[in-house]
PDB file of N, CA and C in Angstrom:
ATOM      1  N   MET A   1     -43.194 101.031 134.942  1.00  0.00           N
ATOM      2  CA  MET A   1     -41.624 100.037 136.152  1.00  0.00           C
ATOM      3  C   MET A   1     -40.299 100.951 135.521  1.00  0.00           C
ATOM      4  N   ALA A   2     -40.508 101.587 136.425  1.00  0.00           N
ATOM      5  CA  ALA A   2     -38.506 102.171 134.944  1.00  0.00           C
ATOM      6  C   ALA A   2     -37.210 102.323 136.641  1.00  0.00           C
ATOM      7  N   PHE A   3     -36.341 101.833 136.395  1.00  0.00           N
ATOM      8  CA  PHE A   3     -35.568 101.764 136.631  1.00  0.00           C
ATOM      9  C   PHE A   3     -34.327 103.098 136.574  1.00  0.00           C
ATOM     10  N   GLU A   4     -33.343 103.510 137.794  1.00  0.00           N
ATOM     11  CA  GLU A   4     -32.932 104.331 137.211  1.00  0.00           C
ATOM     12  C   GLU A   4     -31.519 103.888 138.667  1.00  0.00           C
ATOM     13  N   ILE A   5     -30.126 104.002 137.295  1.00  0.00           N
ATOM     14  CA  ILE A   5     -29.050 104.008 138.212  1.00  0.00           C
ATOM     15  C   ILE A   5     -28.160 104.419 138.697  1.00  0.00           C
ATOM     16  N   GLU A   6     -27.410 105.681 139.221  1.00  0.00           N
ATOM     17  CA  GLU A   6     -26.635 106.373 139.307  1.00  0.00           C
ATOM     18  C   GLU A   6     -25.671 105.619 140.097  1.00  0.00           C
ATOM     19  N   PRO A   7     -24.448 106.752 139.336  1.00  0.00           N
ATOM     20  CA  PRO A   7     -22.651 106.463 140.508  1.00  0.00           C
ATOM     21  C   PRO A   7     -23.364 106.672 141.546  1.00  0.00           C
ATOM     22  N   VAL A   8     -22.892 106.624 142.719  1.00  0.00           N
ATOM     23  CA  VAL A   8     -22.388 107.104 144.054  1.00  0.00           C
ATOM     24  C   VAL A   8     -21.102 106.891 144.316  1.00  0.00           C
ATOM     25  N   GLY A   9     -20.259 108.161 144.069  1.00  0.00           N
ATOM     26  CA  GLY A   9     -18.657 106.908 144.587  1.00  0.00           C
ATOM     27  C   GLY A   9     -18.783 105.684 144.174  1.00  0.00           C
ATOM     28  N   GLU A  10     -18.440 105.776 144.794  1.00  0.00           N
ATOM     29  CA  GLU A  10     -17.665 103.720 143.639  1.00  0.00           C
ATOM     30  C   GLU A  10     -18.885 102.370 143.912  1.00  0.00           C
ATOM     31  N   VAL A  11     -19.743 103.344 144.175  1.00  0.00           N
ATOM     32  CA  VAL A  11     -21.517 102.672 144.427  1.00  0.00           C
ATOM     33  C   VAL A  11     -21.635 102.830 143.258  1.00  0.00           C
ATOM     34  N   VAL A  12     -23.163 102.331 142.929  1.00  0.00           N
ATOM     35  CA  VAL A  12     -24.163 102.591 142.263  1.00  0.00           C
ATOM     36  C   VAL A  12     -25.392 102.546 143.341  1.00  0.00           C
ATOM     37  N   GLU A  13     -26.718 103.139 142.579  1.00  0.00           N
ATOM     38  CA  GLU A  13     -27.662 103.215 143.382  1.00  0.00           C
ATOM     39  C   GLU A  13     -28.951 103.279 142.778  1.00  0.00           C
ATOM     40  N   LEU A  14     -29.862 102.116 143.628  1.00  0.00           N
ATOM     41  CA  LEU A  14     -30.366 101.683 142.098  1.00  0.00           C
ATOM     42  C   LEU A  14     -31.988 102.468 142.884  1.00  0.00           C
ATOM     43  N   THR A  15     -32.903 103.220 142.084  1.00  0.00           N
ATOM     44  CA  THR A  15     -34.328 103.459 141.858  1.00  0.00           C
ATOM     45  C   THR A  15     -34.715 102.832 141.627  1.00  0.00           C
ATOM     46  N   VAL A  16     -36.422 102.333 141.980  1.00  0.00           N
ATOM     47  CA  VAL A  16     -37.193 101.883 141.163  1.00  0.00           C
ATOM     48  C   VAL A  16     -38.158 102.516 141.565  1.00  0.00           C
ATOM     49  N   VAL A  17     -38.868 103.364 140.044  1.00  0.00           N
ATOM     50  CA  VAL A  17     -40.504 103.936 140.668  1.00  0.00           C
ATOM     51  C   VAL A  17     -40.881 103.090 139.865  1.00  0.00           C
ATOM     52  N   ARG A  18     -41.771 102.705 140.134  1.00  0.00           N
ATOM     53  CA  ARG A  18     -43.228 102.704 139.368  1.00  0.00           C
ATOM     54  C   ARG A  18     -44.618 103.412 139.776  1.00  0.00           C
ATOM     55  N   GLY A  19     -45.342 103.092 138.323  1.00  0.00           N
ATOM     56  CA  GLY A  19     -46.502 103.884 138.555  1.00  0.00           C
ATOM     57  C   GLY A  19     -46.805 103.437 137.911  1.00  0.00           C
ATOM     58  N   GLY A  20     -48.801 103.937 137.771  1.00  0.00           N
ATOM     59  CA  GLY A  20     -49.209 104.401 136.684  1.00  0.00           C
ATOM     60  C   GLY A  20     -50.326 103.088 136.453  1.00  0.00           C
ATOM     61  N   PHE A  21     -49.957 102.400 138.131  1.00  0.00           N
ATOM     62  CA  PHE A  21     -51.226 100.902 137.936  1.00  0.00           C
ATOM     63  C   PHE A  21     -52.518 101.158 138.693  1.00  0.00           C
ATOM     64  N   ASP A  22     -53.420 100.725 138.693  1.00  0.00           N
ATOM     65  CA  ASP A  22     -54.876 101.736 138.762  1.00  0.00           C
ATOM     66  C   ASP A  22     -55.161 100.728 140.671  1.00  0.00           C
ATOM     67  N   PRO A  23     -55.114 102.075 141.292  1.00  0.00           N
ATOM     68  CA  PRO A  23     -55.510 100.884 143.037  1.00  0.00           C
ATOM     69  C   PRO A  23     -56.308 100.427 143.274  1.00  0.00           C
ATOM     70  N   GLY A  24     -55.940  99.657 143.624  1.00  0.00           N
ATOM     71  CA  GLY A  24     -56.515  98.207 144.482  1.00  0.00           C
ATOM     72  C   GLY A  24     -55.832  97.568 143.652  1.00  0.00           C
ATOM     73  N   GLY A  25     -55.178  97.488 142.549  1.00  0.00           N
ATOM     74  CA  GLY A  25     -55.839  96.589 141.142  1.00  0.00           C
ATOM     75  C   GLY A  25     -55.123  95.258 141.466  1.00  0.00           C
ATOM     76  N   THR A  26     -54.481  94.259 140.310  1.00  0.00           N
ATOM     77  CA  THR A  26     -53.957  92.786 140.899  1.00  0.00           C
ATOM     78  C   THR A  26     -52.153  93.265 140.642  1.00  0.00           C
ATOM     79  N   VAL A  27     -52.322  93.507 140.080  1.00  0.00           N
ATOM     80  CA  VAL A  27     -50.868  94.254 139.246  1.00  0.00           C
ATOM     81  C   VAL A  27     -49.750  94.990 140.701  1.00  0.00           C
ATOM     82  N   LEU A  28     -50.656  96.100 141.075  1.00  0.00           N
ATOM     83  CA  LEU A  28     -50.069  96.536 142.288  1.00  0.00           C
ATOM     84  C   LEU A  28     -49.712  95.555 143.299  1.00  0.00           C
ATOM     85  N   GLU A  29     -51.059  94.936 143.272  1.00  0.00           N
ATOM     86  CA  GLU A  29     -51.213  93.987 144.854  1.00  0.00           C
ATOM     87  C   GLU A  29     -50.204  92.912 145.048  1.00  0.00           C
ATOM     88  N   MET A  30     -49.705  92.193 143.315  1.00  0.00           N
ATOM     89  CA  MET A  30     -48.655  91.563 142.729  1.00  0.00           C
ATOM     90  C   MET A  30     -47.651  92.506 142.984  1.00  0.00           C
ATOM     91  N   ILE A  31     -46.650  92.907 142.629  1.00  0.00           N
ATOM     92  CA  ILE A  31     -45.663  93.723 142.922  1.00  0.00           C
ATOM     93  C   ILE A  31     -45.603  93.791 144.143  1.00  0.00           C
ATOM     94  N   GLY A  32     -46.804  94.400 144.789  1.00  0.00           N
ATOM     95  CA  GLY A  32     -46.240  94.861 145.907  1.00  0.00           C
ATOM     96  C   GLY A  32     -46.048  93.967 146.819  1.00  0.00           C
ATOM     97  N   GLU A  33     -46.531  92.547 146.627  1.00  0.00           N
ATOM     98  CA  GLU A  33     -45.932  91.372 147.756  1.00  0.00           C
ATOM     99  C   GLU A  33     -44.670  90.665 147.277  1.00  0.00           C
ATOM    100  N   ASP A  34     -44.192  91.249 145.939  1.00  0.00           N
ATOM    101  CA  ASP A  34     -42.869  89.958 145.200  1.00  0.00           C
ATOM    102  C   ASP A  34     -41.610  90.788 145.663  1.00  0.00           C
ATOM    103  N   TRP A  35     -42.012  92.634 144.408  1.00  0.00           N
ATOM    104  CA  TRP A  35     -40.462  93.392 144.940  1.00  0.00           C
ATOM    105  C   TRP A  35     -39.988  93.327 145.969  1.00  0.00           C
ATOM    106  N   PRO A  36     -40.709  93.215 147.235  1.00  0.00           N
ATOM    107  CA  PRO A  36     -39.233  93.521 148.464  1.00  0.00           C
ATOM    108  C   PRO A  36     -38.380  92.672 148.500  1.00  0.00           C
ATOM    109  N   ARG A  37     -39.360  91.259 148.095  1.00  0.00           N
ATOM    110  CA  ARG A  37     -37.968  90.003 148.284  1.00  0.00           C
ATOM    111  C   ARG A  37     -36.871  89.932 146.753  1.00  0.00           C
ATOM    112  N   LEU A  38     -37.314  89.968 145.460  1.00  0.00           N
ATOM    113  CA  LEU A  38     -36.339  90.372 144.857  1.00  0.00           C
ATOM    114  C   LEU A  38     -35.390  91.204 144.510  1.00  0.00           C
ATOM    115  N   LEU A  39     -36.360  92.578 144.510  1.00  0.00           N
ATOM    116  CA  LEU A  39     -34.997  93.491 145.192  1.00  0.00           C
ATOM    117  C   LEU A  39     -33.336  93.311 146.128  1.00  0.00           C
ATOM    118  N   SER A  40     -34.671  93.223 147.109  1.00  0.00           N
ATOM    119  CA  SER A  40     -33.116  93.160 148.280  1.00  0.00           C
ATOM    120  C   SER A  40     -32.283  90.883 147.653  1.00  0.00           C
ATOM    121  N   ASP A  41     -32.974  90.709 146.788  1.00  0.00           N
ATOM    122  CA  ASP A  41     -32.212  89.504 146.571  1.00  0.00           C
ATOM    123  C   ASP A  41     -31.238  89.360 145.333  1.00  0.00           C
ATOM    124  N   LEU A  42     -31.238  91.209 144.563  1.00  0.00           N
ATOM    125  CA  LEU A  42     -31.190  91.559 143.335  1.00  0.00           C
ATOM    126  C   LEU A  42     -29.675  92.346 144.510  1.00  0.00           C
ATOM    127  N   LYS A  43     -29.896  93.119 145.283  1.00  0.00           N
ATOM    128  CA  LYS A  43     -29.319  93.561 145.835  1.00  0.00           C
ATOM    129  C   LYS A  43     -27.981  92.444 146.735  1.00  0.00           C
ATOM    130  N   THR A  44     -28.406  91.316 147.260  1.00  0.00           N
ATOM    131  CA  THR A  44     -27.436  90.256 147.406  1.00  0.00           C
ATOM    132  C   THR A  44     -26.273  90.211 146.346  1.00  0.00           C
ATOM    133  N   LEU A  45     -27.427  89.966 145.488  1.00  0.00           N
ATOM    134  CA  LEU A  45     -26.857  89.576 143.959  1.00  0.00           C
ATOM    135  C   LEU A  45     -25.391  90.562 143.961  1.00  0.00           C
ATOM    136  N   LEU A  46     -25.472  91.986 143.539  1.00  0.00           N
ATOM    137  CA  LEU A  46     -24.596  92.870 143.285  1.00  0.00           C
ATOM    138  C   LEU A  46     -23.950  92.829 143.766  1.00  0.00           C
ATOM    139  N   GLU A  47     -24.138  92.907 145.920  1.00  0.00           N
ATOM    140  CA  GLU A  47     -23.002  93.145 146.798  1.00  0.00           C
ATOM    141  C   GLU A  47     -22.151  92.090 146.492  1.00  0.00           C
ATOM    142  N   THR A  48     -22.679  90.467 146.745  1.00  0.00           N
ATOM    143  CA  THR A  48     -21.976  89.053 147.255  1.00  0.00           C
ATOM    144  C   THR A  48     -21.198  88.815 145.562  1.00  0.00           C
ATOM    145  N   GLY A  49     -22.301  88.810 144.321  1.00  0.00           N
ATOM    146  CA  GLY A  49     -22.469  87.567 143.249  1.00  0.00           C
ATOM    147  C   GLY A  49     -22.938  86.313 144.213  1.00  0.00           C
ATOM    148  N   ASP A  50     -23.809  86.081 144.722  1.00  0.00           N
ATOM    149  CA  ASP A  50     -24.328  85.030 145.032  1.00  0.00           C
ATOM    150  C   ASP A  50     -25.740  85.241 145.397  1.00  0.00           C
ATOM    151  N   VAL A  51     -27.327  84.631 144.987  1.00  0.00           N
ATOM    152  CA  VAL A  51     -28.497  85.580 145.452  1.00  0.00           C
ATOM    153  C   VAL A  51     -28.849  84.972 146.759  1.00  0.00           C
ATOM    154  N   LEU A  52     -29.654  85.140 147.288  1.00  0.00           N
ATOM    155  CA  LEU A  52     -30.110  84.622 148.885  1.00  0.00           C
ATOM    156  C   LEU A  52     -30.523  83.807 148.379  1.00  0.00           C
ATOM    157  N   PRO A  53     -30.516  82.847 150.369  1.00  0.00           N
ATOM    158  CA  PRO A  53     -30.716  81.131 149.888  1.00  0.00           C
ATOM    159  C   PRO A  53     -32.091  80.955 149.850  1.00  0.00           C
ATOM    160  N   SER A  54     -32.974  80.454 149.297  1.00  0.00           N
ATOM    161  CA  SER A  54     -34.486  80.314 149.403  1.00  0.00           C
ATOM    162  C   SER A  54     -35.114  80.099 150.066  1.00  0.00           C
ATOM    163  N   ALA A  55     -36.271  80.908 150.531  1.00  0.00           N
ATOM    164  CA  ALA A  55     -36.785  80.888 151.326  1.00  0.00           C
ATOM    165  C   ALA A  55     -37.680  79.229 152.227  1.00  0.00           C
TER     166      ALA A  55
END
């Protein structure tokens, strides 16, 4: 995993790059399920200072 953070005007752009995982492997499956929620929570935290409510 790699995270790239770049300034874009008054905000920043976060790019998450993932690679090197075996196709169909357990790790790839795990991050595929959990990353969308995690990144959404991170976005909300950075924008508002609060995390998303628990589902």
